[in-house]
Amino acid sequence: MTSSSFIATGSRGAGFVTSRPLAAMAVCVAFVLGAGVASAQEAAEPPAMVIESPTVTTAEELLEAVRRSWEIEKREDRERESRFQNVREDQRQLLADAKGEEARQEARSQALEKEYQDKEVTIAELEEALEQRMGNLGELFGVTRQISGDTRGNVEASITTAQFGTERVEFLEELGKSKELPSIAHLERLWAEMVREMVEQGKIVEFEADVYTPSGVLKRQVTRAGVFSVISEGQYLLWDPNEQQLQVLSRQPPGRFVDTVGDYVAGSSESLTGLAIDPSRGSLLAVLIETRGLTERIPEGGPVGYTVIGLGILAGLLGFYKMIVLFITGRKVEAQKKNSRADTGNPLGRILAVASDNPDADREQLELMLDEVVLRESSRLEGLVWLVRIVSVVAPLMGLLGTVTGMIRTFQSITLFGAGDPRMMAGGISEALVTTMLGLVTAIPLVLLHAVLANNTKKIVDTLDEQSAGLIAQQE
């Protein structure tokens, strides 16, 4: 029977409807409530299992099914409630345990705090007792640290470290930084290192060391002269305290210092030889290699300096050429004075040739002819001498010009950058001084050269005048 036929039958059975109205209402309410509870339960939690119910055909069966469903749900609710009660009891137990642990930790914290305060008082009392017992040892500790620091600085900058290594530097550094009282062994070693450094200052020692060169690190046999200089293979070496290494100098000091190295190495132990040393432990050596020579300062003169040099070289070459010519001419004139036969290859011979070619000329005519020849020869002898004289006068003036241009550059630097940094003005000042120096260096030799040339020329011209006067005197 379907549900529709069931409802129809119920409608026809008036006795069924009127005799059991409460039961019918209960069945409907139970059906609705059962469906609502099932839906809520399905929404709240997924079902653990699905129970298939038999097919309901009558109201009694439906009522019985609803009752069974209620019983099952009540049983499940009681089980769920029981589980909730058990979990709540467990939570209460955990809460009680946590509160008990908190109380124990609080008590432990208070005990530790009290213990900390007690130990603070104990530490203060022990520190006071330590200070009283140390007495003068505290002052000794401070002095030891100070001496260790000073000795470390001296040893680190000393050339002897290249021989003995950096172990003693590390020891002195640790002793200087230590916050504990030094032991007797440390004090003895500190004393030993200080004494050894003093003793090594008076020794000349040869040893093998690493030398840093442009081509790499090389093992070399080096010679240490106290704590002042180190030489190897005829060169001075420099000790770099920052890198703790021996280095080959980028350039050696002037020759007068380097020359002593070869003599010292070649000398024997029985003979006394000199060696240039640096008492400042490298400072003077560093200054010497930075000092520039004359040839290195020439570019600072600029165009004016190069012009002065060019004129000086040109005038010097012409002057030496003229000196050679005058020397040869003077020798020929002296030889001609001893020979009565005229030789036209020299000035005096050409003068004698004029006199011999005009035997019939009177005195006045011969004098005019000889004066003409002497003037011509004198002009020829004095050729190029004037150029040497002019350059000797112009060179200082050009040096003065370079001084003016250099000072102009200097004042321009002061205008742009101020006078706070002297290096900004060094270029202009260098140009001013270098050009002045080049002008004087060029002018002084040329003045001397001109004096020599003028003197030699005057001697030859005087000889020509003297001989021409003699020829005129012989003329009747």
Protein backbone atom coordinates (compact mmCIF):
# COMPACT_ATOMS: atom_id res chain seq x y z
CA MET A 1 0.00 0.00 0.00
CA THR A 2 1.27 3.44 -0.91
CA SER A 3 1.16 6.50 1.28
CA SER A 4 -1.65 8.05 -0.75
CA SER A 5 -3.88 4.99 -0.32
CA PHE A 6 -3.01 4.99 3.34
CA ILE A 7 -4.20 8.57 3.73
CA ALA A 8 -7.36 7.81 1.79
CA THR A 9 -8.15 4.86 3.98
CA GLY A 10 -7.59 6.97 7.02
CA SER A 11 -9.98 9.57 5.75
CA ARG A 12 -12.65 7.01 5.18
CA GLY A 13 -12.18 5.37 8.56
CA ALA A 14 -13.83 7.89 10.78
CA GLY A 15 -13.43 5.69 13.77
CA PHE A 16 -9.66 5.65 13.26
CA VAL A 17 -9.37 9.41 12.98
CA THR A 18 -11.76 10.27 15.78
CA SER A 19 -10.74 7.56 18.16
CA ARG A 20 -6.90 8.24 17.90
CA PRO A 21 -6.32 11.89 17.25
CA LEU A 22 -3.49 12.24 19.76
CA ALA A 23 -1.69 9.23 18.35
CA ALA A 24 -1.85 10.62 14.84
CA MET A 25 -0.54 14.00 16.00
CA ALA A 26 2.23 12.30 17.94
CA VAL A 27 3.19 10.32 14.89
CA CYS A 28 3.46 13.47 12.78
CA VAL A 29 5.39 15.41 15.41
CA ALA A 30 7.70 12.49 15.99
CA PHE A 31 8.29 12.18 12.28
CA VAL A 32 9.16 15.87 11.97
CA LEU A 33 11.30 15.85 15.10
CA GLY A 34 13.03 12.70 14.02
CA ALA A 35 13.86 14.24 10.66
CA GLY A 36 15.09 17.48 12.33
CA VAL A 37 17.25 15.64 14.84
CA ALA A 38 18.72 13.47 12.13
CA SER A 39 19.50 16.49 9.98
CA ALA A 40 21.13 18.33 12.92
CA GLN A 41 23.12 15.28 13.82
CA GLU A 42 24.30 14.84 10.24
CA ALA A 43 25.30 18.52 10.12
CA ALA A 44 27.10 18.34 13.49
CA GLU A 45 29.21 15.28 12.87
CA PRO A 46 29.56 12.75 10.12
CA PRO A 47 27.77 9.44 10.83
CA ALA A 48 29.96 6.61 11.85
CA MET A 49 27.72 4.07 10.14
CA VAL A 50 24.44 3.94 8.20
CA ILE A 51 21.56 1.69 9.48
CA GLU A 52 19.00 0.78 6.93
CA SER A 53 15.44 0.81 8.38
CA PRO A 54 12.71 -1.54 7.16
CA THR A 55 10.04 -0.20 4.90
CA VAL A 56 7.28 1.51 6.91
CA THR A 57 3.76 0.68 5.70
CA THR A 58 1.48 1.54 8.65
CA ALA A 59 1.25 4.23 11.27
CA GLU A 60 2.09 1.77 14.01
CA GLU A 61 5.25 0.76 12.19
CA LEU A 62 6.12 4.41 11.71
CA LEU A 63 5.56 5.12 15.38
CA GLU A 64 7.65 2.14 16.34
CA ALA A 65 10.43 3.23 14.01
CA VAL A 66 10.39 6.70 15.48
CA ARG A 67 10.59 5.29 18.98
CA ARG A 68 13.52 3.11 18.07
CA SER A 69 15.19 6.08 16.50
CA TRP A 70 14.61 8.09 19.66
CA GLU A 71 16.09 5.37 21.78
CA ILE A 72 19.14 5.17 19.59
CA GLU A 73 19.59 8.96 19.64
CA LYS A 74 19.11 9.11 23.40
CA ARG A 75 21.69 6.38 23.85
CA GLU A 76 24.12 8.24 21.57
CA ASP A 77 23.44 11.50 23.41
CA ARG A 78 24.14 9.84 26.73
CA GLU A 79 27.38 8.37 25.39
CA ARG A 80 28.41 11.75 23.96
CA GLU A 81 27.55 13.48 27.21
CA SER A 82 29.57 10.86 29.08
CA ARG A 83 32.53 11.51 26.83
CA PHE A 84 32.17 15.25 27.37
CA GLN A 85 32.07 14.70 31.11
CA ASN A 86 35.25 12.60 30.93
CA VAL A 87 37.07 15.20 28.81
CA ARG A 88 35.97 17.97 31.16
CA GLU A 89 37.40 16.06 34.07
CA ASP A 90 40.65 15.61 32.19
CA GLN A 91 40.77 19.34 31.44
CA ARG A 92 40.16 20.14 35.06
CA GLN A 93 42.99 17.81 36.02
CA LEU A 94 45.34 19.46 33.47
CA LEU A 95 44.39 22.91 34.76
CA ALA A 96 45.06 21.81 38.31
CA ASP A 97 48.43 20.36 37.26
CA ALA A 98 49.36 23.61 35.43
CA LYS A 99 48.46 25.72 38.43
CA GLY A 100 50.52 23.44 40.64
CA GLU A 101 53.53 23.71 38.23
CA GLU A 102 53.13 27.51 38.18
CA ALA A 103 53.20 27.63 41.95
CA ARG A 104 56.32 25.44 42.06
CA GLN A 105 58.11 27.59 39.44
CA GLU A 106 57.13 30.75 41.29
CA ALA A 107 58.57 29.33 44.47
CA ARG A 108 61.73 28.28 42.60
CA SER A 109 62.04 31.78 41.06
CA GLN A 110 61.82 33.38 44.46
CA ALA A 111 64.43 30.98 45.79
CA LEU A 112 66.79 31.72 42.86
CA GLU A 113 66.31 35.44 43.24
CA LYS A 114 67.18 35.19 46.91
CA GLU A 115 70.21 33.06 46.04
CA TYR A 116 71.30 35.64 43.38
CA GLN A 117 71.08 38.48 45.88
CA ASP A 118 73.05 36.49 48.42
CA LYS A 119 75.76 35.73 45.84
CA GLU A 120 75.91 39.39 44.77
CA VAL A 121 76.72 40.27 48.33
CA THR A 122 79.28 37.46 48.46
CA ILE A 123 80.94 38.64 45.19
CA ALA A 124 81.19 42.19 46.49
CA GLU A 125 82.78 40.93 49.70
CA LEU A 126 85.22 38.72 47.72
CA GLU A 127 86.17 41.60 45.38
CA GLU A 128 86.86 43.80 48.35
CA ALA A 129 88.96 41.06 49.92
CA LEU A 130 90.79 40.56 46.59
CA GLU A 131 91.63 44.23 46.33
CA GLN A 132 92.93 44.23 49.87
CA ARG A 133 95.05 41.15 49.25
CA MET A 134 96.36 42.33 45.88
CA GLY A 135 97.77 45.54 47.29
CA ASN A 136 100.62 46.64 45.00
CA LEU A 137 99.93 43.73 42.62
CA GLY A 138 97.20 45.80 40.98
CA GLU A 139 99.71 48.49 40.13
CA LEU A 140 102.10 45.81 38.87
CA PHE A 141 99.35 44.48 36.64
CA GLY A 142 98.78 47.91 35.09
CA VAL A 143 102.48 48.51 34.53
CA THR A 144 102.86 45.07 32.96
CA ARG A 145 100.06 45.73 30.49
CA GLN A 146 101.50 49.12 29.59
CA ILE A 147 105.02 47.77 29.08
CA SER A 148 103.66 44.85 27.06
CA GLY A 149 101.81 47.23 24.74
CA ASP A 150 104.83 49.51 24.27
CA THR A 151 107.18 46.57 23.70
CA ARG A 152 104.76 45.03 21.22
CA GLY A 153 104.73 48.23 19.18
CA ASN A 154 108.54 48.41 19.15
CA VAL A 155 108.96 44.73 18.30
CA GLU A 156 106.32 44.84 15.57
CA ALA A 157 108.10 47.74 13.87
CA SER A 158 111.56 46.20 14.40
CA ILE A 159 113.52 44.51 11.63
CA THR A 160 114.36 41.69 14.02
CA THR A 161 110.82 40.36 13.59
CA ALA A 162 111.82 39.32 10.06
CA GLN A 163 114.35 36.97 11.68
CA PHE A 164 112.50 35.73 14.77
CA GLY A 165 108.94 35.67 13.40
CA THR A 166 105.68 37.03 14.80
CA GLU A 167 105.32 34.62 17.74
CA ARG A 168 106.68 37.11 20.25
CA VAL A 169 104.36 39.81 18.85
CA GLU A 170 101.37 37.56 19.53
CA PHE A 171 102.62 36.81 23.05
CA LEU A 172 103.03 40.50 23.86
CA GLU A 173 99.61 41.28 22.42
CA GLU A 174 97.90 38.61 24.53
CA LEU A 175 99.75 39.75 27.65
CA GLY A 176 98.74 43.34 27.02
CA LYS A 177 95.08 42.43 26.61
CA SER A 178 94.93 39.95 29.51
CA LYS A 179 92.67 40.84 32.45
CA GLU A 180 94.35 38.44 34.83
CA LEU A 181 97.44 38.88 36.93
CA PRO A 182 100.52 37.83 34.93
CA SER A 183 102.31 34.73 36.08
CA ILE A 184 105.99 34.55 36.91
CA ALA A 185 106.63 32.77 33.61
CA HIS A 186 104.97 35.57 31.66
CA LEU A 187 106.97 38.23 33.50
CA GLU A 188 110.20 36.36 32.84
CA ARG A 189 109.43 36.01 29.15
CA LEU A 190 108.53 39.70 28.91
CA TRP A 191 111.89 40.57 30.45
CA ALA A 192 113.67 38.13 28.10
CA GLU A 193 112.04 39.63 24.99
CA MET A 194 112.98 43.15 26.04
CA VAL A 195 116.59 42.15 26.70
CA ARG A 196 116.83 40.23 23.42
CA GLU A 197 115.59 43.22 21.47
CA MET A 198 118.22 45.43 23.10
CA VAL A 199 120.98 42.91 22.42
CA GLU A 200 119.97 42.45 18.76
CA GLN A 201 120.29 46.18 18.16
CA GLY A 202 124.06 45.84 18.27
CA LYS A 203 124.41 42.74 16.09
CA ILE A 204 125.05 42.29 12.37
CA VAL A 205 123.37 39.04 11.36
CA GLU A 206 122.89 37.15 8.10
CA PHE A 207 119.80 34.97 7.74
CA GLU A 208 117.39 33.70 5.12
CA ALA A 209 114.01 35.40 4.85
CA ASP A 210 111.06 35.85 2.51
CA VAL A 211 111.42 38.99 0.42
CA TYR A 212 108.45 40.41 -1.46
CA THR A 213 109.54 41.50 -4.94
CA PRO A 214 107.54 42.63 -8.01
CA SER A 215 107.95 39.11 -9.39
CA GLY A 216 106.68 37.40 -6.22
CA VAL A 217 107.96 36.13 -2.88
CA LEU A 218 111.56 34.96 -3.01
CA LYS A 219 113.85 33.35 -0.47
CA ARG A 220 116.93 35.51 -0.11
CA GLN A 221 119.99 35.72 2.07
CA VAL A 222 119.71 39.07 3.81
CA THR A 223 122.03 40.98 6.13
CA ARG A 224 120.61 42.90 9.08
CA ALA A 225 122.63 45.78 10.51
CA GLY A 226 121.19 46.04 14.00
CA VAL A 227 117.63 47.27 13.78
CA PHE A 228 118.46 50.01 11.30
CA SER A 229 119.04 48.60 7.80
CA VAL A 230 118.56 45.40 5.82
CA ILE A 231 120.46 44.71 2.62
CA SER A 232 120.30 41.87 0.09
CA GLU A 233 122.02 41.42 -3.27
CA GLY A 234 123.45 44.91 -3.20
CA GLN A 235 120.09 46.57 -2.48
CA TYR A 236 118.40 48.08 0.54
CA LEU A 237 115.22 46.41 1.76
CA LEU A 238 112.37 47.99 3.67
CA TRP A 239 110.54 46.38 6.61
CA ASP A 240 106.77 46.93 6.43
CA PRO A 241 105.37 46.68 9.99
CA ASN A 242 101.77 46.60 8.77
CA GLU A 243 102.25 43.63 6.47
CA GLN A 244 105.07 42.14 8.60
CA GLN A 245 107.28 41.53 5.58
CA LEU A 246 110.52 42.60 3.89
CA GLN A 247 110.00 44.43 0.61
CA VAL A 248 112.25 45.46 -2.24
CA LEU A 249 112.23 49.22 -2.61
CA SER A 250 110.53 50.63 -5.68
CA ARG A 251 113.74 52.56 -6.22
CA GLN A 252 117.01 52.66 -4.38
CA PRO A 253 118.31 55.73 -2.51
CA PRO A 254 120.98 57.97 -4.10
CA GLY A 255 124.19 56.37 -5.27
CA ARG A 256 126.33 57.59 -2.40
CA PHE A 257 124.29 55.38 -0.08
CA VAL A 258 123.98 52.35 -2.36
CA ASP A 259 127.73 52.36 -3.06
CA THR A 260 128.43 51.54 0.58
CA VAL A 261 126.51 48.25 0.27
CA GLY A 262 128.94 46.72 -2.22
CA ASP A 263 131.98 47.78 -0.18
CA TYR A 264 130.42 46.40 2.98
CA VAL A 265 129.55 43.03 1.45
CA ALA A 266 132.96 42.71 -0.19
CA GLY A 267 134.80 43.58 3.03
CA SER A 268 136.10 40.94 5.39
CA SER A 269 135.39 40.51 9.06
CA GLU A 270 138.87 41.72 9.91
CA SER A 271 138.64 45.01 8.03
CA LEU A 272 136.47 48.00 8.79
CA THR A 273 134.02 49.05 6.11
CA GLY A 274 131.29 51.66 6.15
CA LEU A 275 127.59 51.06 5.61
CA ALA A 276 124.89 53.69 5.38
CA ILE A 277 122.19 52.96 7.97
CA ASP A 278 118.84 54.51 8.75
CA PRO A 279 118.64 55.38 12.46
CA SER A 280 114.92 56.12 12.08
CA ARG A 281 114.23 52.47 11.17
CA GLY A 282 113.00 53.13 7.63
CA SER A 283 111.56 56.63 7.82
CA LEU A 284 114.58 58.38 6.31
CA LEU A 285 114.93 55.65 3.70
CA ALA A 286 111.33 56.15 2.64
CA VAL A 287 111.94 59.90 2.34
CA LEU A 288 115.11 59.36 0.29
CA ILE A 289 113.42 57.15 -2.27
CA GLU A 290 110.62 59.69 -2.61
CA THR A 291 113.09 62.54 -3.20
CA ARG A 292 113.24 63.33 -6.91
CA GLY A 293 116.40 64.21 -8.75
CA LEU A 294 117.05 66.95 -11.30
CA THR A 295 116.03 64.84 -14.29
CA GLU A 296 112.77 63.89 -12.58
CA ARG A 297 111.93 67.52 -11.85
CA ILE A 298 112.47 68.72 -15.43
CA PRO A 299 108.88 67.88 -16.55
CA GLU A 300 107.57 70.17 -13.81
CA GLY A 301 109.05 73.14 -15.70
CA GLY A 302 106.50 72.76 -18.44
CA PRO A 303 106.91 74.25 -21.94
CA VAL A 304 109.12 77.08 -20.68
CA GLY A 305 111.51 74.63 -19.09
CA TYR A 306 111.78 72.50 -22.21
CA THR A 307 112.39 75.64 -24.31
CA VAL A 308 115.20 76.73 -22.01
CA ILE A 309 116.76 73.27 -22.21
CA GLY A 310 116.49 73.19 -26.00
CA LEU A 311 118.11 76.59 -26.41
CA GLY A 312 120.82 75.67 -23.94
CA ILE A 313 121.66 72.44 -25.75
CA LEU A 314 121.71 74.19 -29.15
CA ALA A 315 123.91 77.04 -27.90
CA GLY A 316 126.19 74.60 -26.11
CA LEU A 317 126.71 72.44 -29.21
CA LEU A 318 127.41 75.48 -31.38
CA GLY A 319 129.74 76.87 -28.73
CA PHE A 320 131.77 73.67 -28.50
CA TYR A 321 131.89 73.47 -32.29
CA LYS A 322 133.13 77.05 -32.42
CA MET A 323 135.72 76.31 -29.74
CA ILE A 324 137.11 73.44 -31.81
CA VAL A 325 137.21 75.64 -34.91
CA LEU A 326 139.03 78.42 -33.04
CA PHE A 327 141.48 75.94 -31.57
CA ILE A 328 142.35 74.58 -35.00
CA THR A 329 142.54 78.08 -36.46
CA GLY A 330 144.81 79.24 -33.64
CA ARG A 331 147.17 76.33 -34.26
CA LYS A 332 147.31 77.17 -37.97
CA VAL A 333 147.99 80.86 -37.23
CA GLU A 334 150.82 79.93 -34.89
CA ALA A 335 152.28 77.65 -37.53
CA GLN A 336 151.94 80.40 -40.13
CA LYS A 337 153.89 82.81 -37.93
CA LYS A 338 156.87 80.46 -38.17
CA ASN A 339 156.59 80.02 -41.95
CA SER A 340 157.39 82.85 -44.37
CA ARG A 341 155.42 81.24 -47.18
CA ALA A 342 151.79 82.33 -47.21
CA ASP A 343 149.18 79.58 -46.74
CA THR A 344 145.68 80.66 -47.69
CA GLY A 345 144.18 77.91 -45.46
CA ASN A 346 144.37 80.20 -42.39
CA PRO A 347 143.56 83.87 -41.70
CA LEU A 348 147.17 84.98 -41.24
CA GLY A 349 148.20 83.25 -44.47
CA ARG A 350 145.49 85.08 -46.36
CA ILE A 351 146.75 88.38 -44.93
CA LEU A 352 150.33 87.58 -45.95
CA ALA A 353 149.07 86.59 -49.39
CA VAL A 354 147.54 90.04 -49.85
CA ALA A 355 150.84 91.68 -48.94
CA SER A 356 152.86 89.42 -51.24
CA ASP A 357 150.41 89.88 -54.11
CA ASN A 358 150.74 93.69 -53.94
CA PRO A 359 154.48 94.45 -53.56
CA ASP A 360 154.22 97.76 -55.42
CA ALA A 361 151.39 99.20 -53.32
CA ASP A 362 152.23 102.16 -51.15
CA ARG A 363 151.85 102.14 -47.38
CA GLU A 364 148.42 103.71 -47.19
CA GLN A 365 146.97 101.53 -49.90
CA LEU A 366 148.41 98.40 -48.29
CA GLU A 367 147.09 99.46 -44.91
CA LEU A 368 143.58 99.79 -46.31
CA MET A 369 143.82 96.44 -48.05
CA LEU A 370 145.10 94.71 -44.90
CA ASP A 371 142.45 96.36 -42.71
CA GLU A 372 139.80 95.04 -45.04
CA VAL A 373 141.16 91.50 -44.83
CA VAL A 374 141.50 91.71 -41.03
CA LEU A 375 137.90 92.88 -40.70
CA ARG A 376 136.68 90.09 -42.93
CA GLU A 377 138.64 87.46 -41.00
CA SER A 378 137.58 88.91 -37.66
CA SER A 379 133.92 88.73 -38.66
CA ARG A 380 134.40 85.13 -39.71
CA LEU A 381 136.14 84.26 -36.45
CA GLU A 382 133.44 85.87 -34.31
CA GLY A 383 130.62 84.02 -36.08
CA LEU A 384 128.21 82.01 -33.78
CA VAL A 385 129.83 83.52 -30.69
CA TRP A 386 127.03 86.05 -30.52
CA LEU A 387 124.45 83.21 -30.40
CA VAL A 388 126.06 81.76 -27.28
CA ARG A 389 126.01 85.18 -25.67
CA ILE A 390 122.35 85.79 -26.54
CA VAL A 391 121.22 82.41 -25.13
CA SER A 392 123.21 83.02 -21.96
CA VAL A 393 121.26 86.26 -21.49
CA VAL A 394 117.85 84.95 -22.60
CA ALA A 395 117.93 81.76 -20.48
CA PRO A 396 117.57 83.55 -17.09
CA LEU A 397 114.84 85.74 -18.55
CA MET A 398 112.91 82.68 -19.69
CA GLY A 399 113.44 81.20 -16.25
CA LEU A 400 111.90 84.34 -14.82
CA LEU A 401 109.00 83.94 -17.26
CA GLY A 402 108.46 80.40 -15.98
CA THR A 403 108.53 81.74 -12.42
CA VAL A 404 105.77 84.21 -13.26
CA THR A 405 103.59 81.60 -14.99
CA GLY A 406 104.13 79.17 -12.10
CA MET A 407 103.06 81.77 -9.55
CA ILE A 408 100.00 82.55 -11.67
CA ARG A 409 99.07 78.87 -11.49
CA THR A 410 99.63 78.91 -7.76
CA PHE A 411 97.34 81.87 -7.20
CA GLN A 412 94.71 80.29 -9.43
CA SER A 413 94.80 77.18 -7.24
CA ILE A 414 94.47 79.33 -4.13
CA THR A 415 91.50 81.12 -5.70
CA LEU A 416 89.73 77.88 -6.61
CA PHE A 417 90.61 75.60 -3.69
CA GLY A 418 91.92 77.89 -0.96
CA ALA A 419 95.24 77.70 0.85
CA GLY A 420 94.31 74.85 3.18
CA ASP A 421 96.03 72.10 1.18
CA PRO A 422 99.64 72.94 0.18
CA ARG A 423 99.65 70.09 -2.33
CA MET A 424 97.19 71.99 -4.51
CA MET A 425 99.78 74.77 -4.84
CA ALA A 426 102.79 72.51 -5.27
CA GLY A 427 102.47 72.27 -9.06
CA GLY A 428 102.68 76.01 -9.66
CA ILE A 429 105.48 76.50 -7.15
CA SER A 430 107.44 73.61 -8.68
CA GLU A 431 107.09 75.14 -12.14
CA ALA A 432 108.27 78.52 -10.84
CA LEU A 433 111.33 77.12 -9.10
CA VAL A 434 112.27 74.55 -11.76
CA THR A 435 112.20 77.05 -14.63
CA THR A 436 114.32 79.47 -12.62
CA MET A 437 116.78 76.70 -11.87
CA LEU A 438 116.89 75.59 -15.52
CA GLY A 439 117.48 79.17 -16.64
CA LEU A 440 120.39 79.59 -14.26
CA VAL A 441 121.81 76.14 -15.00
CA THR A 442 121.72 76.96 -18.71
CA ALA A 443 123.03 80.52 -18.43
CA ILE A 444 126.02 79.95 -16.16
CA PRO A 445 127.87 77.42 -18.41
CA LEU A 446 127.04 79.46 -21.50
CA VAL A 447 128.47 82.62 -19.94
CA LEU A 448 131.70 80.75 -19.21
CA LEU A 449 131.70 79.23 -22.69
CA HIS A 450 131.18 82.65 -24.27
CA ALA A 451 134.05 84.06 -22.26
CA VAL A 452 136.36 81.31 -23.51
CA LEU A 453 135.25 81.77 -27.11
CA ALA A 454 135.63 85.54 -26.92
CA ASN A 455 139.11 85.20 -25.44
CA ASN A 456 140.28 82.76 -28.12
CA THR A 457 138.81 84.92 -30.86
CA LYS A 458 140.48 88.01 -29.41
CA LYS A 459 143.86 86.26 -29.37
CA ILE A 460 143.64 85.35 -33.03
CA VAL A 461 142.37 88.81 -34.02
CA ASP A 462 145.18 90.45 -32.02
CA THR A 463 147.68 88.25 -33.84
CA LEU A 464 146.22 89.29 -37.18
CA ASP A 465 146.39 93.00 -36.21
CA GLU A 466 149.91 92.59 -35.00
CA GLN A 467 151.09 90.89 -38.21
CA SER A 468 149.30 93.33 -40.47
CA ALA A 469 150.88 96.23 -38.59
CA GLY A 470 154.25 94.59 -39.06
CA LEU A 471 153.68 94.19 -42.81
CA ILE A 472 152.72 97.85 -43.06
CA ALA A 473 155.82 98.85 -41.15
CA GLN A 474 158.00 96.90 -43.56
CA GLN A 475 156.47 98.61 -46.55
CA GLU A 476 158.62 101.51 -47.87
